[in-house]
PDB file of N, CA and C in Angstrom:
ATOM      1  N   MET A   1     -24.443 -18.011  -2.834  1.00  0.00           N
ATOM      2  CA  MET A   1     -23.903 -17.380  -1.654  1.00  0.00           C
ATOM      3  C   MET A   1     -22.707 -18.198  -1.172  1.00  0.00           C
ATOM      4  N   SER A   2     -21.677 -17.521  -0.751  1.00  0.00           N
ATOM      5  CA  SER A   2     -20.479 -18.219  -0.292  1.00  0.00           C
ATOM      6  C   SER A   2     -20.581 -18.562   1.191  1.00  0.00           C
ATOM      7  N   GLU A   3     -19.818 -19.546   1.565  1.00  0.00           N
ATOM      8  CA  GLU A   3     -19.817 -20.012   2.948  1.00  0.00           C
ATOM      9  C   GLU A   3     -18.382 -19.998   3.465  1.00  0.00           C
ATOM     10  N   ILE A   4     -18.196 -19.487   4.660  1.00  0.00           N
ATOM     11  CA  ILE A   4     -16.872 -19.470   5.272  1.00  0.00           C
ATOM     12  C   ILE A   4     -16.657 -20.808   5.967  1.00  0.00           C
ATOM     13  N   ILE A   5     -15.561 -21.454   5.624  1.00  0.00           N
ATOM     14  CA  ILE A   5     -15.250 -22.762   6.184  1.00  0.00           C
ATOM     15  C   ILE A   5     -14.194 -22.593   7.269  1.00  0.00           C
ATOM     16  N   ASN A   6     -14.452 -23.159   8.432  1.00  0.00           N
ATOM     17  CA  ASN A   6     -13.504 -23.106   9.537  1.00  0.00           C
ATOM     18  C   ASN A   6     -12.527 -24.275   9.383  1.00  0.00           C
ATOM     19  N   VAL A   7     -11.461 -24.027   8.643  1.00  0.00           N
ATOM     20  CA  VAL A   7     -10.490 -25.071   8.344  1.00  0.00           C
ATOM     21  C   VAL A   7      -9.775 -25.547   9.605  1.00  0.00           C
ATOM     22  N   SER A   8      -9.525 -24.651  10.536  1.00  0.00           N
ATOM     23  CA  SER A   8      -8.848 -25.030  11.786  1.00  0.00           C
ATOM     24  C   SER A   8      -9.658 -26.071  12.552  1.00  0.00           C
ATOM     25  N   ALA A   9     -10.964 -25.887  12.607  1.00  0.00           N
ATOM     26  CA  ALA A   9     -11.820 -26.837  13.314  1.00  0.00           C
ATOM     27  C   ALA A   9     -11.832 -28.193  12.606  1.00  0.00           C
ATOM     28  N   ILE A  10     -11.877 -28.169  11.293  1.00  0.00           N
ATOM     29  CA  ILE A  10     -11.860 -29.413  10.521  1.00  0.00           C
ATOM     30  C   ILE A  10     -10.538 -30.141  10.738  1.00  0.00           C
ATOM     31  N   ALA A  11      -9.435 -29.401  10.696  1.00  0.00           N
ATOM     32  CA  ALA A  11      -8.112 -29.999  10.900  1.00  0.00           C
ATOM     33  C   ALA A  11      -8.002 -30.615  12.288  1.00  0.00           C
ATOM     34  N   LYS A  12      -8.545 -29.944  13.290  1.00  0.00           N
ATOM     35  CA  LYS A  12      -8.491 -30.467  14.663  1.00  0.00           C
ATOM     36  C   LYS A  12      -9.244 -31.785  14.762  1.00  0.00           C
ATOM     37  N   VAL A  13     -10.410 -31.853  14.163  1.00  0.00           N
ATOM     38  CA  VAL A  13     -11.205 -33.086  14.185  1.00  0.00           C
ATOM     39  C   VAL A  13     -10.436 -34.220  13.508  1.00  0.00           C
ATOM     40  N   GLU A  14      -9.862 -33.940  12.351  1.00  0.00           N
ATOM     41  CA  GLU A  14      -9.124 -34.972  11.619  1.00  0.00           C
ATOM     42  C   GLU A  14      -7.879 -35.415  12.380  1.00  0.00           C
ATOM     43  N   LYS A  15      -7.169 -34.467  12.990  1.00  0.00           N
ATOM     44  CA  LYS A  15      -5.983 -34.818  13.780  1.00  0.00           C
ATOM     45  C   LYS A  15      -6.363 -35.683  14.969  1.00  0.00           C
ATOM     46  N   ASP A  16      -7.484 -35.376  15.602  1.00  0.00           N
ATOM     47  CA  ASP A  16      -7.950 -36.190  16.727  1.00  0.00           C
ATOM     48  C   ASP A  16      -8.255 -37.622  16.274  1.00  0.00           C
ATOM     49  N   LYS A  17      -8.857 -37.763  15.101  1.00  0.00           N
ATOM     50  CA  LYS A  17      -9.145 -39.099  14.560  1.00  0.00           C
ATOM     51  C   LYS A  17      -7.851 -39.882  14.334  1.00  0.00           C
ATOM     52  N   ILE A  18      -6.869 -39.208  13.750  1.00  0.00           N
ATOM     53  CA  ILE A  18      -5.586 -39.861  13.470  1.00  0.00           C
ATOM     54  C   ILE A  18      -4.890 -40.243  14.770  1.00  0.00           C
ATOM     55  N   ARG A  19      -4.893 -39.334  15.739  1.00  0.00           N
ATOM     56  CA  ARG A  19      -4.255 -39.596  17.036  1.00  0.00           C
ATOM     57  C   ARG A  19      -4.881 -40.826  17.703  1.00  0.00           C
ATOM     58  N   LYS A  20      -6.201 -40.904  17.696  1.00  0.00           N
ATOM     59  CA  LYS A  20      -6.896 -42.045  18.304  1.00  0.00           C
ATOM     60  C   LYS A  20      -6.578 -43.344  17.566  1.00  0.00           C
ATOM     61  N   ARG A  21      -6.476 -43.252  16.267  1.00  0.00           N
ATOM     62  CA  ARG A  21      -6.155 -44.439  15.472  1.00  0.00           C
ATOM     63  C   ARG A  21      -4.750 -44.944  15.797  1.00  0.00           C
ATOM     64  N   ILE A  22      -3.802 -44.015  15.919  1.00  0.00           N
ATOM     65  CA  ILE A  22      -2.429 -44.392  16.261  1.00  0.00           C
ATOM     66  C   ILE A  22      -2.382 -44.983  17.668  1.00  0.00           C
ATOM     67  N   GLU A  23      -3.107 -44.383  18.603  1.00  0.00           N
ATOM     68  CA  GLU A  23      -3.167 -44.919  19.968  1.00  0.00           C
ATOM     69  C   GLU A  23      -3.748 -46.333  19.961  1.00  0.00           C
ATOM     70  N   GLY A  24      -4.729 -46.565  19.109  1.00  0.00           N
ATOM     71  CA  GLY A  24      -5.315 -47.899  18.981  1.00  0.00           C
ATOM     72  C   GLY A  24      -4.308 -48.919  18.480  1.00  0.00           C
ATOM     73  N   TYR A  25      -3.509 -48.526  17.495  1.00  0.00           N
ATOM     74  CA  TYR A  25      -2.463 -49.419  16.991  1.00  0.00           C
ATOM     75  C   TYR A  25      -1.499 -49.795  18.108  1.00  0.00           C
ATOM     76  N   ARG A  26      -1.084 -48.792  18.875  1.00  0.00           N
ATOM     77  CA  ARG A  26      -0.145 -49.051  19.972  1.00  0.00           C
ATOM     78  C   ARG A  26      -0.768 -49.967  21.017  1.00  0.00           C
ATOM     79  N   ALA A  27      -2.032 -49.739  21.351  1.00  0.00           N
ATOM     80  CA  ALA A  27      -2.715 -50.556  22.354  1.00  0.00           C
ATOM     81  C   ALA A  27      -2.821 -52.015  21.907  1.00  0.00           C
ATOM     82  N   GLU A  28      -2.930 -52.231  20.599  1.00  0.00           N
ATOM     83  CA  GLU A  28      -3.023 -53.584  20.052  1.00  0.00           C
ATOM     84  C   GLU A  28      -1.652 -54.215  19.842  1.00  0.00           C
ATOM     85  N   GLY A  29      -0.593 -53.464  20.127  1.00  0.00           N
ATOM     86  CA  GLY A  29       0.760 -53.980  19.957  1.00  0.00           C
ATOM     87  C   GLY A  29       1.255 -53.935  18.521  1.00  0.00           C
ATOM     88  N   LYS A  30       0.577 -53.174  17.692  1.00  0.00           N
ATOM     89  CA  LYS A  30       0.988 -53.051  16.290  1.00  0.00           C
ATOM     90  C   LYS A  30       2.077 -51.994  16.153  1.00  0.00           C
ATOM     91  N   ALA A  31       2.720 -51.982  15.012  1.00  0.00           N
ATOM     92  CA  ALA A  31       3.780 -51.011  14.751  1.00  0.00           C
ATOM     93  C   ALA A  31       3.212 -49.600  14.696  1.00  0.00           C
ATOM     94  N   THR A  32       4.005 -48.657  15.165  1.00  0.00           N
ATOM     95  CA  THR A  32       3.622 -47.249  15.103  1.00  0.00           C
ATOM     96  C   THR A  32       3.730 -46.774  13.657  1.00  0.00           C
ATOM     97  N   PRO A  33       2.718 -46.103  13.130  1.00  0.00           N
ATOM     98  CA  PRO A  33       2.807 -45.578  11.771  1.00  0.00           C
ATOM     99  C   PRO A  33       4.015 -44.649  11.619  1.00  0.00           C
ATOM    100  N   THR A  34       4.730 -44.826  10.523  1.00  0.00           N
ATOM    101  CA  THR A  34       5.943 -44.057  10.273  1.00  0.00           C
ATOM    102  C   THR A  34       5.866 -43.421   8.897  1.00  0.00           C
ATOM    103  N   LEU A  35       6.224 -42.148   8.838  1.00  0.00           N
ATOM    104  CA  LEU A  35       6.300 -41.428   7.572  1.00  0.00           C
ATOM    105  C   LEU A  35       7.760 -41.349   7.169  1.00  0.00           C
ATOM    106  N   ALA A  36       8.072 -41.765   5.959  1.00  0.00           N
ATOM    107  CA  ALA A  36       9.437 -41.662   5.452  1.00  0.00           C
ATOM    108  C   ALA A  36       9.488 -40.521   4.445  1.00  0.00           C
ATOM    109  N   SER A  37      10.437 -39.613   4.648  1.00  0.00           N
ATOM    110  CA  SER A  37      10.618 -38.488   3.733  1.00  0.00           C
ATOM    111  C   SER A  37      12.048 -38.478   3.231  1.00  0.00           C
ATOM    112  N   VAL A  38      12.191 -38.255   1.940  1.00  0.00           N
ATOM    113  CA  VAL A  38      13.514 -38.154   1.336  1.00  0.00           C
ATOM    114  C   VAL A  38      13.710 -36.716   0.905  1.00  0.00           C
ATOM    115  N   ILE A  39      14.804 -36.116   1.353  1.00  0.00           N
ATOM    116  CA  ILE A  39      15.117 -34.744   0.970  1.00  0.00           C
ATOM    117  C   ILE A  39      16.469 -34.756   0.261  1.00  0.00           C
ATOM    118  N   VAL A  40      16.522 -34.063  -0.861  1.00  0.00           N
ATOM    119  CA  VAL A  40      17.757 -33.990  -1.631  1.00  0.00           C
ATOM    120  C   VAL A  40      18.292 -32.574  -1.525  1.00  0.00           C
ATOM    121  N   GLY A  41      19.487 -32.442  -0.979  1.00  0.00           N
ATOM    122  CA  GLY A  41      20.098 -31.122  -0.836  1.00  0.00           C
ATOM    123  C   GLY A  41      19.684 -30.438   0.449  1.00  0.00           C
ATOM    124  N   GLU A  42      19.932 -29.147   0.494  1.00  0.00           N
ATOM    125  CA  GLU A  42      19.710 -28.360   1.712  1.00  0.00           C
ATOM    126  C   GLU A  42      18.789 -27.167   1.457  1.00  0.00           C
ATOM    127  N   ASP A  43      17.840 -27.304   0.551  1.00  0.00           N
ATOM    128  CA  ASP A  43      16.930 -26.202   0.258  1.00  0.00           C
ATOM    129  C   ASP A  43      16.178 -25.809   1.527  1.00  0.00           C
ATOM    130  N   PRO A  44      16.276 -24.538   1.960  1.00  0.00           N
ATOM    131  CA  PRO A  44      15.635 -24.117   3.211  1.00  0.00           C
ATOM    132  C   PRO A  44      14.128 -24.375   3.244  1.00  0.00           C
ATOM    133  N   GLY A  45      13.460 -24.196   2.130  1.00  0.00           N
ATOM    134  CA  GLY A  45      12.023 -24.440   2.082  1.00  0.00           C
ATOM    135  C   GLY A  45      11.693 -25.907   2.293  1.00  0.00           C
ATOM    136  N   SER A  46      12.469 -26.771   1.684  1.00  0.00           N
ATOM    137  CA  SER A  46      12.254 -28.211   1.841  1.00  0.00           C
ATOM    138  C   SER A  46      12.552 -28.662   3.262  1.00  0.00           C
ATOM    139  N   VAL A  47      13.626 -28.128   3.831  1.00  0.00           N
ATOM    140  CA  VAL A  47      13.991 -28.464   5.212  1.00  0.00           C
ATOM    141  C   VAL A  47      12.879 -28.030   6.163  1.00  0.00           C
ATOM    142  N   TYR A  48      12.338 -26.838   5.962  1.00  0.00           N
ATOM    143  CA  TYR A  48      11.241 -26.343   6.795  1.00  0.00           C
ATOM    144  C   TYR A  48      10.021 -27.255   6.671  1.00  0.00           C
ATOM    145  N   TYR A  49       9.677 -27.638   5.456  1.00  0.00           N
ATOM    146  CA  TYR A  49       8.521 -28.499   5.210  1.00  0.00           C
ATOM    147  C   TYR A  49       8.671 -29.837   5.932  1.00  0.00           C
ATOM    148  N   ILE A  50       9.852 -30.429   5.828  1.00  0.00           N
ATOM    149  CA  ILE A  50      10.120 -31.706   6.491  1.00  0.00           C
ATOM    150  C   ILE A  50      10.035 -31.547   8.009  1.00  0.00           C
ATOM    151  N   ASP A  51      10.581 -30.449   8.528  1.00  0.00           N
ATOM    152  CA  ASP A  51      10.521 -30.190   9.971  1.00  0.00           C
ATOM    153  C   ASP A  51       9.076 -30.065  10.449  1.00  0.00           C
ATOM    154  N   MET A  52       8.233 -29.408   9.660  1.00  0.00           N
ATOM    155  CA  MET A  52       6.824 -29.265  10.036  1.00  0.00           C
ATOM    156  C   MET A  52       6.103 -30.613   9.980  1.00  0.00           C
ATOM    157  N   GLN A  53       6.426 -31.433   8.980  1.00  0.00           N
ATOM    158  CA  GLN A  53       5.852 -32.777   8.907  1.00  0.00           C
ATOM    159  C   GLN A  53       6.189 -33.554  10.176  1.00  0.00           C
ATOM    160  N   LYS A  54       7.453 -33.489  10.560  1.00  0.00           N
ATOM    161  CA  LYS A  54       7.916 -34.216  11.746  1.00  0.00           C
ATOM    162  C   LYS A  54       7.205 -33.725  13.004  1.00  0.00           C
ATOM    163  N   LYS A  55       7.089 -32.422  13.148  1.00  0.00           N
ATOM    164  CA  LYS A  55       6.452 -31.834  14.324  1.00  0.00           C
ATOM    165  C   LYS A  55       4.996 -32.297  14.449  1.00  0.00           C
ATOM    166  N   VAL A  56       4.258 -32.228  13.361  1.00  0.00           N
ATOM    167  CA  VAL A  56       2.847 -32.630  13.384  1.00  0.00           C
ATOM    168  C   VAL A  56       2.720 -34.127  13.642  1.00  0.00           C
ATOM    169  N   LEU A  57       3.514 -34.915  12.956  1.00  0.00           N
ATOM    170  CA  LEU A  57       3.431 -36.363  13.111  1.00  0.00           C
ATOM    171  C   LEU A  57       3.747 -36.794  14.538  1.00  0.00           C
ATOM    172  N   GLU A  58       4.785 -36.212  15.126  1.00  0.00           N
ATOM    173  CA  GLU A  58       5.140 -36.563  16.500  1.00  0.00           C
ATOM    174  C   GLU A  58       4.054 -36.120  17.480  1.00  0.00           C
ATOM    175  N   SER A  59       3.377 -35.011  17.191  1.00  0.00           N
ATOM    176  CA  SER A  59       2.291 -34.566  18.069  1.00  0.00           C
ATOM    177  C   SER A  59       1.103 -35.525  18.011  1.00  0.00           C
ATOM    178  N   LEU A  60       1.017 -36.292  16.929  1.00  0.00           N
ATOM    179  CA  LEU A  60      -0.065 -37.263  16.767  1.00  0.00           C
ATOM    180  C   LEU A  60       0.319 -38.647  17.278  1.00  0.00           C
ATOM    181  N   GLY A  61       1.596 -38.821  17.636  1.00  0.00           N
ATOM    182  CA  GLY A  61       2.050 -40.103  18.163  1.00  0.00           C
ATOM    183  C   GLY A  61       2.751 -40.985  17.155  1.00  0.00           C
ATOM    184  N   GLY A  62       2.955 -40.492  15.955  1.00  0.00           N
ATOM    185  CA  GLY A  62       3.650 -41.256  14.930  1.00  0.00           C
ATOM    186  C   GLY A  62       5.144 -41.000  14.972  1.00  0.00           C
ATOM    187  N   THR A  63       5.861 -41.652  14.090  1.00  0.00           N
ATOM    188  CA  THR A  63       7.301 -41.440  13.990  1.00  0.00           C
ATOM    189  C   THR A  63       7.656 -41.082  12.556  1.00  0.00           C
ATOM    190  N   MET A  64       8.865 -40.567  12.394  1.00  0.00           N
ATOM    191  CA  MET A  64       9.299 -40.140  11.066  1.00  0.00           C
ATOM    192  C   MET A  64      10.701 -40.639  10.790  1.00  0.00           C
ATOM    193  N   LEU A  65      10.902 -41.074   9.573  1.00  0.00           N
ATOM    194  CA  LEU A  65      12.213 -41.470   9.088  1.00  0.00           C
ATOM    195  C   LEU A  65      12.595 -40.460   8.020  1.00  0.00           C
ATOM    196  N   GLN A  66      13.671 -39.736   8.264  1.00  0.00           N
ATOM    197  CA  GLN A  66      14.114 -38.721   7.305  1.00  0.00           C
ATOM    198  C   GLN A  66      15.405 -39.183   6.658  1.00  0.00           C
ATOM    199  N   ILE A  67      15.400 -39.214   5.342  1.00  0.00           N
ATOM    200  CA  ILE A  67      16.580 -39.598   4.579  1.00  0.00           C
ATOM    201  C   ILE A  67      17.044 -38.363   3.821  1.00  0.00           C
ATOM    202  N   THR A  68      18.295 -37.965   4.056  1.00  0.00           N
ATOM    203  CA  THR A  68      18.840 -36.779   3.405  1.00  0.00           C
ATOM    204  C   THR A  68      19.932 -37.200   2.432  1.00  0.00           C
ATOM    205  N   LEU A  69      19.764 -36.811   1.189  1.00  0.00           N
ATOM    206  CA  LEU A  69      20.767 -37.071   0.159  1.00  0.00           C
ATOM    207  C   LEU A  69      21.411 -35.750  -0.227  1.00  0.00           C
ATOM    208  N   SER A  70      22.728 -35.750  -0.294  1.00  0.00           N
ATOM    209  CA  SER A  70      23.385 -34.486  -0.654  1.00  0.00           C
ATOM    210  C   SER A  70      23.974 -34.531  -2.037  1.00  0.00           C
TER     211      SER A  70
END
């Protein structure tokens, strides 16, 4: 028998864990976790993906370094 998995609920729980972990780093005076992404060219799909990464990461309290090569 198949089971329906509530992926949204799982994602929310995991995001909350990450957010708390990042807040803990900041409270301890440690560096804020940073995601570095390298994008080559101007492919709209890649640009969208990077933008979504940035949006989610910033909502969790992290920072992003984006390197664009043309």
